[in-house]
Amino acid sequence: MAGLFLVTESWINDIATNRTRGELLSVYMVVMMAGMGLGQLLLNLADPHGFERFVLVSVLISLALVPMLLNVGRAPQFGTHESISIRALYRASPLGVVGGFSTGIAQACVFGTGAVFAKLIGMSVAQVSFLMTAFSLGAVVLQRPIGWLSDRIDRRKVIVAACAASTALALIALIASHSSVQALIITMMVYGAISVPLYSLFIAHTNDHL
């Protein structure tokens, strides 16, 4: 899966320019997060202890090949291949490297342990799926507007504003988890709308300097 993301994002960055990269990556993220959000609802299709959904996942990944096989567009034509070290990448864009790494950790915490946390505070299987869906689909709402905005003003200002808002919303979500399921779901949707676009913002900022 990491390889699929790497190839897809490399392809997108190859055809993007500094003026369109933020918005183009945001469209990509809208498609990806919409799929991830709706996929959470598949949790309700079968017993969580069964094997059926693993079979469904394998089928869906196989179907993902169909658009690529039917696509008439040509793949990017790469010239001389150059490797780059983490140190060199950091020198080119310290904000992009540190920010991308930190955002990856933060989002991995939500995707990896969000369902576990929800179960530990007493949410049902259906409520867990709704919570994770809200987080992913929330990202769809503001992904493109934030990407569009970052192409027109200093990308760093957009990043700082999104980081500050995400921090506040994470604290609000913690408080909401002790009040009601509905409040937590709504807060996580807004948190996803603000925090998830940071990933594409850091990628765009890094590529601006390469």
C-alpha atoms as a PDB file:
ATOM      1  CA  MET A   1       0.000   0.000   0.000  1.00  0.00           C
ATOM      2  CA  ALA A   2       2.885   2.374   0.770  1.00  0.00           C
ATOM      3  CA  GLY A   3       4.261   1.620  -2.704  1.00  0.00           C
ATOM      4  CA  LEU A   4       0.918   2.468  -4.307  1.00  0.00           C
ATOM      5  CA  PHE A   5       0.809   5.834  -2.539  1.00  0.00           C
ATOM      6  CA  LEU A   6       4.415   6.575  -3.503  1.00  0.00           C
ATOM      7  CA  VAL A   7       3.904   5.860  -7.207  1.00  0.00           C
ATOM      8  CA  THR A   8       0.584   7.716  -7.379  1.00  0.00           C
ATOM      9  CA  GLU A   9       1.854  10.850  -5.673  1.00  0.00           C
ATOM     10  CA  SER A  10       5.062  10.834  -7.738  1.00  0.00           C
ATOM     11  CA  TRP A  11       2.977  10.688 -10.919  1.00  0.00           C
ATOM     12  CA  ILE A  12       0.820  13.598  -9.766  1.00  0.00           C
ATOM     13  CA  ASN A  13       3.812  15.712  -8.765  1.00  0.00           C
ATOM     14  CA  ASP A  14       5.414  15.095 -12.151  1.00  0.00           C
ATOM     15  CA  ILE A  15       2.547  16.745 -14.032  1.00  0.00           C
ATOM     16  CA  ALA A  16       1.898  19.497 -11.460  1.00  0.00           C
ATOM     17  CA  THR A  17       3.457  22.963 -11.325  1.00  0.00           C
ATOM     18  CA  ASN A  18       4.051  25.163  -8.285  1.00  0.00           C
ATOM     19  CA  ARG A  19       0.875  27.077  -9.172  1.00  0.00           C
ATOM     20  CA  THR A  20      -1.356  23.977  -9.405  1.00  0.00           C
ATOM     21  CA  ARG A  21       0.303  21.446  -7.079  1.00  0.00           C
ATOM     22  CA  GLY A  22      -1.678  22.281  -3.949  1.00  0.00           C
ATOM     23  CA  GLU A  23      -5.066  22.032  -5.646  1.00  0.00           C
ATOM     24  CA  LEU A  24      -4.115  18.957  -7.696  1.00  0.00           C
ATOM     25  CA  LEU A  25      -2.907  17.091  -4.616  1.00  0.00           C
ATOM     26  CA  SER A  26      -6.053  18.146  -2.782  1.00  0.00           C
ATOM     27  CA  VAL A  27      -8.237  16.531  -5.486  1.00  0.00           C
ATOM     28  CA  TYR A  28      -6.194  13.341  -5.121  1.00  0.00           C
ATOM     29  CA  MET A  29      -6.691  13.466  -1.346  1.00  0.00           C
ATOM     30  CA  VAL A  30     -10.440  14.023  -1.751  1.00  0.00           C
ATOM     31  CA  VAL A  31     -10.722  10.839  -3.800  1.00  0.00           C
ATOM     32  CA  MET A  32      -8.521   8.860  -1.409  1.00  0.00           C
ATOM     33  CA  MET A  33     -10.191  10.066   1.799  1.00  0.00           C
ATOM     34  CA  ALA A  34     -13.672   9.539   0.371  1.00  0.00           C
ATOM     35  CA  GLY A  35     -12.727   5.931  -0.322  1.00  0.00           C
ATOM     36  CA  MET A  36     -11.187   5.490   3.112  1.00  0.00           C
ATOM     37  CA  GLY A  37     -14.204   7.044   4.776  1.00  0.00           C
ATOM     38  CA  LEU A  38     -16.800   4.943   2.987  1.00  0.00           C
ATOM     39  CA  GLY A  39     -14.621   1.887   3.507  1.00  0.00           C
ATOM     40  CA  GLN A  40     -15.041   2.252   7.271  1.00  0.00           C
ATOM     41  CA  LEU A  41     -18.754   1.524   6.841  1.00  0.00           C
ATOM     42  CA  LEU A  42     -17.875  -1.941   5.507  1.00  0.00           C
ATOM     43  CA  LEU A  43     -17.222  -2.782   9.149  1.00  0.00           C
ATOM     44  CA  ASN A  44     -20.975  -3.329   9.445  1.00  0.00           C
ATOM     45  CA  LEU A  45     -21.225  -5.921   6.659  1.00  0.00           C
ATOM     46  CA  ALA A  46     -19.964  -8.926   8.585  1.00  0.00           C
ATOM     47  CA  ASP A  47     -18.797 -10.216  11.944  1.00  0.00           C
ATOM     48  CA  PRO A  48     -15.545  -8.434  12.918  1.00  0.00           C
ATOM     49  CA  HIS A  49     -14.128 -11.826  13.907  1.00  0.00           C
ATOM     50  CA  GLY A  50     -14.807 -13.384  10.500  1.00  0.00           C
ATOM     51  CA  PHE A  51     -12.726 -13.600   7.317  1.00  0.00           C
ATOM     52  CA  GLU A  52     -15.258 -12.223   4.826  1.00  0.00           C
ATOM     53  CA  ARG A  53     -14.034  -8.622   4.859  1.00  0.00           C
ATOM     54  CA  PHE A  54     -10.449  -9.674   4.198  1.00  0.00           C
ATOM     55  CA  VAL A  55     -11.708 -11.332   1.016  1.00  0.00           C
ATOM     56  CA  LEU A  56     -13.627  -8.150   0.136  1.00  0.00           C
ATOM     57  CA  VAL A  57     -10.468  -6.061   0.591  1.00  0.00           C
ATOM     58  CA  SER A  58      -8.536  -8.280  -1.820  1.00  0.00           C
ATOM     59  CA  VAL A  59     -11.311  -7.949  -4.407  1.00  0.00           C
ATOM     60  CA  LEU A  60     -11.426  -4.148  -4.085  1.00  0.00           C
ATOM     61  CA  ILE A  61      -7.647  -3.841  -4.504  1.00  0.00           C
ATOM     62  CA  SER A  62      -7.864  -5.987  -7.637  1.00  0.00           C
ATOM     63  CA  LEU A  63     -10.636  -3.765  -9.025  1.00  0.00           C
ATOM     64  CA  ALA A  64      -8.392  -0.726  -8.456  1.00  0.00           C
ATOM     65  CA  LEU A  65      -6.249  -1.952 -11.344  1.00  0.00           C
ATOM     66  CA  VAL A  66      -9.078  -1.593 -13.861  1.00  0.00           C
ATOM     67  CA  PRO A  67      -8.910   2.232 -14.366  1.00  0.00           C
ATOM     68  CA  MET A  68      -5.149   2.069 -14.865  1.00  0.00           C
ATOM     69  CA  LEU A  69      -5.455  -0.706 -17.447  1.00  0.00           C
ATOM     70  CA  LEU A  70      -8.151   1.234 -19.335  1.00  0.00           C
ATOM     71  CA  ASN A  71      -6.317   4.577 -19.146  1.00  0.00           C
ATOM     72  CA  VAL A  72      -5.021   5.803 -22.523  1.00  0.00           C
ATOM     73  CA  GLY A  73      -2.754   8.453 -20.987  1.00  0.00           C
ATOM     74  CA  ARG A  74       0.991   7.932 -20.998  1.00  0.00           C
ATOM     75  CA  ALA A  75       3.086   7.520 -17.880  1.00  0.00           C
ATOM     76  CA  PRO A  76       5.611  10.270 -17.062  1.00  0.00           C
ATOM     77  CA  GLN A  77       8.845  10.114 -19.016  1.00  0.00           C
ATOM     78  CA  PHE A  78      11.659  10.310 -16.504  1.00  0.00           C
ATOM     79  CA  GLY A  79      15.138  11.487 -17.452  1.00  0.00           C
ATOM     80  CA  THR A  80      18.261  10.832 -15.436  1.00  0.00           C
ATOM     81  CA  HIS A  81      17.470   9.253 -12.101  1.00  0.00           C
ATOM     82  CA  GLU A  82      18.884  11.038  -9.071  1.00  0.00           C
ATOM     83  CA  SER A  83      18.748   9.809  -5.509  1.00  0.00           C
ATOM     84  CA  ILE A  84      18.357  12.194  -2.590  1.00  0.00           C
ATOM     85  CA  SER A  85      19.171  11.589   1.048  1.00  0.00           C
ATOM     86  CA  ILE A  86      16.997  12.568   3.985  1.00  0.00           C
ATOM     87  CA  ARG A  87      19.632  15.133   4.945  1.00  0.00           C
ATOM     88  CA  ALA A  88      19.576  16.725   1.484  1.00  0.00           C
ATOM     89  CA  LEU A  89      15.787  16.717   1.485  1.00  0.00           C
ATOM     90  CA  TYR A  90      15.801  18.398   4.889  1.00  0.00           C
ATOM     91  CA  ARG A  91      18.176  21.084   3.651  1.00  0.00           C
ATOM     92  CA  ALA A  92      15.869  21.758   0.715  1.00  0.00           C
ATOM     93  CA  SER A  93      12.707  21.929   2.834  1.00  0.00           C
ATOM     94  CA  PRO A  94      13.037  21.589   6.632  1.00  0.00           C
ATOM     95  CA  LEU A  95       9.376  22.462   7.131  1.00  0.00           C
ATOM     96  CA  GLY A  96       8.228  19.873   4.619  1.00  0.00           C
ATOM     97  CA  VAL A  97      10.282  17.046   6.135  1.00  0.00           C
ATOM     98  CA  VAL A  98       9.540  17.731   9.801  1.00  0.00           C
ATOM     99  CA  GLY A  99       5.932  18.652   9.127  1.00  0.00           C
ATOM    100  CA  GLY A 100       5.276  15.640   6.906  1.00  0.00           C
ATOM    101  CA  PHE A 101       6.824  13.288   9.481  1.00  0.00           C
ATOM    102  CA  SER A 102       4.869  14.812  12.374  1.00  0.00           C
ATOM    103  CA  THR A 103       1.604  14.825  10.450  1.00  0.00           C
ATOM    104  CA  GLY A 104       2.155  11.198   9.486  1.00  0.00           C
ATOM    105  CA  ILE A 105       2.525  10.244  13.148  1.00  0.00           C
ATOM    106  CA  ALA A 106      -0.553  12.234  14.166  1.00  0.00           C
ATOM    107  CA  GLN A 107      -2.769  10.795  11.440  1.00  0.00           C
ATOM    108  CA  ALA A 108      -1.441   7.274  12.034  1.00  0.00           C
ATOM    109  CA  CYS A 109      -2.549   7.602  15.661  1.00  0.00           C
ATOM    110  CA  VAL A 110      -6.096   8.394  14.548  1.00  0.00           C
ATOM    111  CA  PHE A 111      -6.297   5.786  11.789  1.00  0.00           C
ATOM    112  CA  GLY A 112      -4.470   3.115  13.775  1.00  0.00           C
ATOM    113  CA  THR A 113      -5.937   3.544  17.242  1.00  0.00           C
ATOM    114  CA  GLY A 114      -9.086   5.641  16.723  1.00  0.00           C
ATOM    115  CA  ALA A 115     -11.286   2.566  16.519  1.00  0.00           C
ATOM    116  CA  VAL A 116      -9.576   1.025  19.564  1.00  0.00           C
ATOM    117  CA  PHE A 117     -10.103   4.219  21.565  1.00  0.00           C
ATOM    118  CA  ALA A 118     -13.753   4.378  20.517  1.00  0.00           C
ATOM    119  CA  LYS A 119     -14.309   0.767  21.577  1.00  0.00           C
ATOM    120  CA  LEU A 120     -12.615   1.336  24.959  1.00  0.00           C
ATOM    121  CA  ILE A 121     -14.953   4.237  25.790  1.00  0.00           C
ATOM    122  CA  GLY A 122     -17.956   2.004  25.134  1.00  0.00           C
ATOM    123  CA  MET A 123     -18.971   2.767  21.544  1.00  0.00           C
ATOM    124  CA  SER A 124     -20.694   0.038  19.530  1.00  0.00           C
ATOM    125  CA  VAL A 125     -19.280  -1.420  16.310  1.00  0.00           C
ATOM    126  CA  ALA A 126     -21.642   0.746  14.251  1.00  0.00           C
ATOM    127  CA  GLN A 127     -20.698   3.872  16.208  1.00  0.00           C
ATOM    128  CA  VAL A 128     -17.010   3.092  15.734  1.00  0.00           C
ATOM    129  CA  SER A 129     -17.520   2.864  11.962  1.00  0.00           C
ATOM    130  CA  PHE A 130     -19.446   6.168  11.941  1.00  0.00           C
ATOM    131  CA  LEU A 131     -16.701   7.875  13.953  1.00  0.00           C
ATOM    132  CA  MET A 132     -13.922   6.786  11.589  1.00  0.00           C
ATOM    133  CA  THR A 133     -16.066   7.596   8.557  1.00  0.00           C
ATOM    134  CA  ALA A 134     -16.737  11.096   9.924  1.00  0.00           C
ATOM    135  CA  PHE A 135     -13.002  11.710  10.307  1.00  0.00           C
ATOM    136  CA  SER A 136     -12.224  10.620   6.738  1.00  0.00           C
ATOM    137  CA  LEU A 137     -15.180  12.277   5.024  1.00  0.00           C
ATOM    138  CA  GLY A 138     -14.606  15.474   6.981  1.00  0.00           C
ATOM    139  CA  ALA A 139     -11.294  15.719   5.142  1.00  0.00           C
ATOM    140  CA  VAL A 140     -13.156  15.717   1.832  1.00  0.00           C
ATOM    141  CA  VAL A 141     -15.025  18.918   2.690  1.00  0.00           C
ATOM    142  CA  LEU A 142     -12.084  21.328   3.057  1.00  0.00           C
ATOM    143  CA  GLN A 143      -9.338  19.458   1.224  1.00  0.00           C
ATOM    144  CA  ARG A 144      -9.778  21.252  -2.090  1.00  0.00           C
ATOM    145  CA  PRO A 145     -10.522  24.755  -0.683  1.00  0.00           C
ATOM    146  CA  ILE A 146      -7.407  24.569   1.504  1.00  0.00           C
ATOM    147  CA  GLY A 147      -5.327  23.328  -1.428  1.00  0.00           C
ATOM    148  CA  TRP A 148      -6.701  26.115  -3.625  1.00  0.00           C
ATOM    149  CA  LEU A 149      -5.886  28.688  -0.943  1.00  0.00           C
ATOM    150  CA  SER A 150      -2.327  27.393  -0.512  1.00  0.00           C
ATOM    151  CA  ASP A 151      -1.658  27.946  -4.234  1.00  0.00           C
ATOM    152  CA  ARG A 152      -2.591  31.620  -3.918  1.00  0.00           C
ATOM    153  CA  ILE A 153      -1.033  32.760  -0.643  1.00  0.00           C
ATOM    154  CA  ASP A 154       2.088  31.751   1.252  1.00  0.00           C
ATOM    155  CA  ARG A 155       1.722  28.014   1.842  1.00  0.00           C
ATOM    156  CA  ARG A 156       3.438  28.368   5.220  1.00  0.00           C
ATOM    157  CA  LYS A 157       0.687  30.639   6.523  1.00  0.00           C
ATOM    158  CA  VAL A 158      -1.965  28.086   5.578  1.00  0.00           C
ATOM    159  CA  ILE A 159       0.067  25.346   7.290  1.00  0.00           C
ATOM    160  CA  VAL A 160       0.441  27.329  10.528  1.00  0.00           C
ATOM    161  CA  ALA A 161      -3.285  28.146  10.637  1.00  0.00           C
ATOM    162  CA  ALA A 162      -4.265  24.514   9.979  1.00  0.00           C
ATOM    163  CA  CYS A 163      -1.841  23.238  12.655  1.00  0.00           C
ATOM    164  CA  ALA A 164      -3.201  25.643  15.254  1.00  0.00           C
ATOM    165  CA  ALA A 165      -6.813  24.747  14.479  1.00  0.00           C
ATOM    166  CA  SER A 166      -6.033  21.008  14.489  1.00  0.00           C
ATOM    167  CA  THR A 167      -4.422  21.255  17.928  1.00  0.00           C
ATOM    168  CA  ALA A 168      -7.464  23.008  19.348  1.00  0.00           C
ATOM    169  CA  LEU A 169      -9.857  20.519  17.774  1.00  0.00           C
ATOM    170  CA  ALA A 170      -7.909  17.542  19.142  1.00  0.00           C
ATOM    171  CA  LEU A 171      -8.330  18.938  22.660  1.00  0.00           C
ATOM    172  CA  ILE A 172     -12.033  19.573  22.035  1.00  0.00           C
ATOM    173  CA  ALA A 173     -12.410  15.959  20.837  1.00  0.00           C
ATOM    174  CA  LEU A 174     -10.882  14.739  24.095  1.00  0.00           C
ATOM    175  CA  ILE A 175     -13.457  16.730  26.063  1.00  0.00           C
ATOM    176  CA  ALA A 176     -16.284  15.613  23.767  1.00  0.00           C
ATOM    177  CA  SER A 177     -15.396  11.941  24.313  1.00  0.00           C
ATOM    178  CA  HIS A 178     -16.587  12.354  27.911  1.00  0.00           C
ATOM    179  CA  SER A 179     -19.866  14.038  26.990  1.00  0.00           C
ATOM    180  CA  SER A 180     -21.653  12.370  24.069  1.00  0.00           C
ATOM    181  CA  VAL A 181     -21.039  10.148  21.066  1.00  0.00           C
ATOM    182  CA  GLN A 182     -22.671  12.670  18.732  1.00  0.00           C
ATOM    183  CA  ALA A 183     -20.415  15.508  19.932  1.00  0.00           C
ATOM    184  CA  LEU A 184     -17.325  13.340  19.464  1.00  0.00           C
ATOM    185  CA  ILE A 185     -18.323  12.305  15.934  1.00  0.00           C
ATOM    186  CA  ILE A 186     -19.016  15.910  14.879  1.00  0.00           C
ATOM    187  CA  THR A 187     -15.750  17.140  16.407  1.00  0.00           C
ATOM    188  CA  MET A 188     -13.767  14.394  14.675  1.00  0.00           C
ATOM    189  CA  MET A 189     -15.361  15.322  11.368  1.00  0.00           C
ATOM    190  CA  VAL A 190     -14.215  18.932  11.757  1.00  0.00           C
ATOM    191  CA  TYR A 191     -10.801  17.757  12.965  1.00  0.00           C
ATOM    192  CA  GLY A 192     -10.421  15.615   9.854  1.00  0.00           C
ATOM    193  CA  ALA A 193     -11.450  18.535   7.643  1.00  0.00           C
ATOM    194  CA  ILE A 194      -8.640  20.703   9.052  1.00  0.00           C
ATOM    195  CA  SER A 195      -5.874  18.229   9.871  1.00  0.00           C
ATOM    196  CA  VAL A 196      -5.839  15.786   6.945  1.00  0.00           C
ATOM    197  CA  PRO A 197      -5.115  18.482   4.291  1.00  0.00           C
ATOM    198  CA  LEU A 198      -1.821  19.140   6.112  1.00  0.00           C
ATOM    199  CA  TYR A 199      -0.374  16.026   4.462  1.00  0.00           C
ATOM    200  CA  SER A 200      -0.803  17.381   0.935  1.00  0.00           C
ATOM    201  CA  LEU A 201       0.265  20.873   2.061  1.00  0.00           C
ATOM    202  CA  PHE A 202       3.603  19.551   3.323  1.00  0.00           C
ATOM    203  CA  ILE A 203       4.100  17.503   0.153  1.00  0.00           C
ATOM    204  CA  ALA A 204       3.353  20.549  -1.996  1.00  0.00           C
ATOM    205  CA  HIS A 205       5.674  22.757   0.069  1.00  0.00           C
ATOM    206  CA  THR A 206       8.500  20.218  -0.224  1.00  0.00           C
ATOM    207  CA  ASN A 207       8.104  19.876  -3.989  1.00  0.00           C
ATOM    208  CA  ASP A 208       8.090  23.655  -4.332  1.00  0.00           C
ATOM    209  CA  HIS A 209      11.720  23.590  -3.212  1.00  0.00           C
ATOM    210  CA  LEU A 210      12.980  20.644  -5.279  1.00  0.00           C
END
